Amino acid sequence: MKLVVNGEETEVSGPCTVVDLLKQLGLNGPVAVECNREIVPRSEHGQFELSAGDTLELVHFVGGG
């Protein structure tokens, strides 16, 4: 399934939820997710089904100094 993630076309195994996508991308920890210009609350990441062609913006918080 093709998605646009942070401006780049990305091929992922589908169907998938936001949690599945984050695992496939290797992202751990808190991630803010916007799908088709709508914020996806973290409490819904496990149930939110993605569809081919969805446009996502992911922000992964990183500590450091």
N, C-alpha and C. Protein backbone atom coordinates (compact mmCIF):
# COMPACT_ATOMS: atom_id res chain seq x y z
N MET A 1 0.86 -1.17 0.00
CA MET A 1 0.00 0.00 0.00
C MET A 1 0.90 1.23 0.00
N LYS A 2 0.58 2.21 -0.85
CA LYS A 2 1.38 3.43 -0.94
C LYS A 2 0.75 4.54 -0.10
N LEU A 3 1.60 5.18 0.70
CA LEU A 3 1.23 6.33 1.51
C LEU A 3 2.24 7.44 1.22
N VAL A 4 1.88 8.66 1.54
CA VAL A 4 2.84 9.76 1.51
C VAL A 4 3.14 10.11 2.96
N VAL A 5 4.39 9.88 3.35
CA VAL A 5 4.82 10.11 4.74
C VAL A 5 5.86 11.21 4.75
N ASN A 6 5.54 12.30 5.41
CA ASN A 6 6.43 13.46 5.48
C ASN A 6 6.92 13.88 4.10
N GLY A 7 5.99 13.88 3.14
CA GLY A 7 6.29 14.37 1.81
C GLY A 7 6.90 13.36 0.86
N GLU A 8 7.16 12.13 1.32
CA GLU A 8 7.77 11.12 0.47
C GLU A 8 6.85 9.93 0.31
N GLU A 9 6.72 9.45 -0.94
CA GLU A 9 5.90 8.27 -1.17
C GLU A 9 6.58 7.08 -0.51
N THR A 10 5.80 6.31 0.25
CA THR A 10 6.32 5.19 1.02
C THR A 10 5.44 3.97 0.79
N GLU A 11 6.06 2.83 0.54
CA GLU A 11 5.33 1.57 0.37
C GLU A 11 5.36 0.82 1.70
N VAL A 12 4.16 0.45 2.19
CA VAL A 12 4.06 -0.30 3.45
C VAL A 12 3.16 -1.51 3.24
N SER A 13 3.30 -2.48 4.15
CA SER A 13 2.40 -3.63 4.11
C SER A 13 1.04 -3.18 4.61
N GLY A 14 0.00 -3.53 3.90
CA GLY A 14 -1.33 -3.09 4.30
C GLY A 14 -2.28 -4.24 4.29
N PRO A 15 -3.44 -4.09 4.83
CA PRO A 15 -3.90 -2.89 5.53
C PRO A 15 -3.17 -2.72 6.87
N CYS A 16 -3.16 -1.48 7.35
CA CYS A 16 -2.46 -1.25 8.61
C CYS A 16 -3.06 -0.08 9.37
N THR A 17 -2.80 -0.09 10.67
CA THR A 17 -3.19 1.01 11.54
C THR A 17 -1.98 1.94 11.69
N VAL A 18 -2.17 3.04 12.39
CA VAL A 18 -1.06 3.95 12.66
C VAL A 18 0.03 3.21 13.44
N VAL A 19 -0.34 2.39 14.42
CA VAL A 19 0.65 1.64 15.21
C VAL A 19 1.45 0.71 14.30
N ASP A 20 0.77 0.02 13.38
CA ASP A 20 1.46 -0.87 12.44
C ASP A 20 2.46 -0.08 11.59
N LEU A 21 2.04 1.09 11.11
CA LEU A 21 2.92 1.93 10.30
C LEU A 21 4.15 2.35 11.09
N LEU A 22 3.96 2.80 12.31
CA LEU A 22 5.09 3.24 13.13
C LEU A 22 6.07 2.10 13.35
N LYS A 23 5.57 0.89 13.57
CA LYS A 23 6.44 -0.28 13.73
C LYS A 23 7.21 -0.56 12.45
N GLN A 24 6.53 -0.50 11.30
CA GLN A 24 7.19 -0.75 10.02
C GLN A 24 8.28 0.28 9.73
N LEU A 25 8.07 1.50 10.20
CA LEU A 25 9.06 2.56 9.99
C LEU A 25 10.14 2.59 11.06
N GLY A 26 10.00 1.73 12.09
CA GLY A 26 10.99 1.65 13.16
C GLY A 26 10.96 2.82 14.11
N LEU A 27 9.80 3.46 14.25
CA LEU A 27 9.68 4.60 15.15
C LEU A 27 9.16 4.14 16.51
N ASN A 28 9.93 4.43 17.55
CA ASN A 28 9.53 4.10 18.92
C ASN A 28 9.32 5.39 19.69
N GLY A 29 8.62 5.28 20.80
CA GLY A 29 8.40 6.45 21.64
C GLY A 29 7.27 7.30 21.12
N PRO A 30 7.08 8.46 21.72
CA PRO A 30 5.96 9.32 21.34
C PRO A 30 6.12 9.87 19.92
N VAL A 31 5.06 9.74 19.14
CA VAL A 31 5.03 10.26 17.78
C VAL A 31 3.70 10.98 17.57
N ALA A 32 3.77 12.24 17.11
CA ALA A 32 2.56 12.97 16.76
C ALA A 32 2.22 12.62 15.32
N VAL A 33 0.93 12.34 15.05
CA VAL A 33 0.52 11.88 13.73
C VAL A 33 -0.62 12.74 13.21
N GLU A 34 -0.46 13.19 11.96
CA GLU A 34 -1.51 13.89 11.25
C GLU A 34 -1.79 13.09 9.98
N CYS A 35 -3.05 12.77 9.74
CA CYS A 35 -3.44 12.02 8.55
C CYS A 35 -4.44 12.86 7.76
N ASN A 36 -4.08 13.18 6.53
CA ASN A 36 -4.93 13.99 5.67
C ASN A 36 -5.38 15.28 6.36
N ARG A 37 -4.39 15.92 7.01
CA ARG A 37 -4.57 17.22 7.67
C ARG A 37 -5.42 17.17 8.94
N GLU A 38 -5.63 15.98 9.49
CA GLU A 38 -6.37 15.82 10.75
C GLU A 38 -5.46 15.13 11.76
N ILE A 39 -5.36 15.69 12.97
CA ILE A 39 -4.57 15.07 14.02
C ILE A 39 -5.21 13.76 14.43
N VAL A 40 -4.39 12.72 14.58
CA VAL A 40 -4.86 11.42 15.07
C VAL A 40 -4.42 11.32 16.53
N PRO A 41 -5.37 11.38 17.47
CA PRO A 41 -5.00 11.28 18.89
C PRO A 41 -4.25 9.97 19.17
N ARG A 42 -3.25 10.04 20.05
CA ARG A 42 -2.46 8.86 20.38
C ARG A 42 -3.33 7.71 20.86
N SER A 43 -4.42 8.02 21.54
CA SER A 43 -5.32 6.98 22.05
C SER A 43 -6.01 6.21 20.92
N GLU A 44 -5.99 6.76 19.69
CA GLU A 44 -6.63 6.11 18.55
C GLU A 44 -5.64 5.45 17.58
N HIS A 45 -4.34 5.53 17.85
CA HIS A 45 -3.34 5.00 16.93
C HIS A 45 -3.54 3.51 16.65
N GLY A 46 -3.98 2.73 17.63
CA GLY A 46 -4.16 1.30 17.45
C GLY A 46 -5.37 0.93 16.64
N GLN A 47 -6.37 1.81 16.54
CA GLN A 47 -7.60 1.52 15.82
C GLN A 47 -7.72 2.29 14.51
N PHE A 48 -6.90 3.31 14.31
CA PHE A 48 -7.03 4.18 13.15
C PHE A 48 -6.47 3.47 11.92
N GLU A 49 -7.36 3.05 11.01
CA GLU A 49 -6.97 2.33 9.79
C GLU A 49 -6.54 3.31 8.70
N LEU A 50 -5.40 3.03 8.11
CA LEU A 50 -4.89 3.84 7.02
C LEU A 50 -5.37 3.27 5.69
N SER A 51 -5.51 4.14 4.70
CA SER A 51 -5.94 3.73 3.36
C SER A 51 -4.88 4.14 2.35
N ALA A 52 -4.79 3.39 1.27
CA ALA A 52 -3.84 3.72 0.21
C ALA A 52 -4.05 5.17 -0.22
N GLY A 53 -2.94 5.89 -0.37
CA GLY A 53 -3.01 7.28 -0.80
C GLY A 53 -3.10 8.29 0.32
N ASP A 54 -3.24 7.83 1.57
CA ASP A 54 -3.29 8.77 2.69
C ASP A 54 -1.99 9.56 2.76
N THR A 55 -2.10 10.81 3.20
CA THR A 55 -0.95 11.67 3.40
C THR A 55 -0.77 11.88 4.89
N LEU A 56 0.41 11.50 5.38
CA LEU A 56 0.69 11.58 6.81
C LEU A 56 1.88 12.49 7.09
N GLU A 57 1.81 13.17 8.21
CA GLU A 57 2.94 13.91 8.74
C GLU A 57 3.22 13.30 10.10
N LEU A 58 4.46 12.88 10.32
CA LEU A 58 4.88 12.25 11.57
C LEU A 58 5.94 13.12 12.21
N VAL A 59 5.79 13.37 13.51
CA VAL A 59 6.80 14.12 14.26
C VAL A 59 7.22 13.24 15.41
N HIS A 60 8.51 12.84 15.39
CA HIS A 60 9.07 11.97 16.42
C HIS A 60 9.92 12.84 17.33
N PHE A 61 9.61 12.80 18.61
CA PHE A 61 10.32 13.63 19.58
C PHE A 61 11.62 12.95 19.99
N VAL A 62 12.70 13.72 19.95
CA VAL A 62 14.02 13.19 20.26
C VAL A 62 14.65 14.06 21.33
N GLY A 63 15.21 13.41 22.35
CA GLY A 63 15.89 14.15 23.41
C GLY A 63 17.35 14.39 23.04
N GLY A 64 17.98 15.25 23.76
CA GLY A 64 19.39 15.50 23.50
C GLY A 64 19.72 16.96 23.72
N GLY A 65 20.93 17.29 23.48
CA GLY A 65 21.30 18.68 23.72
C GLY A 65 22.39 19.19 22.89
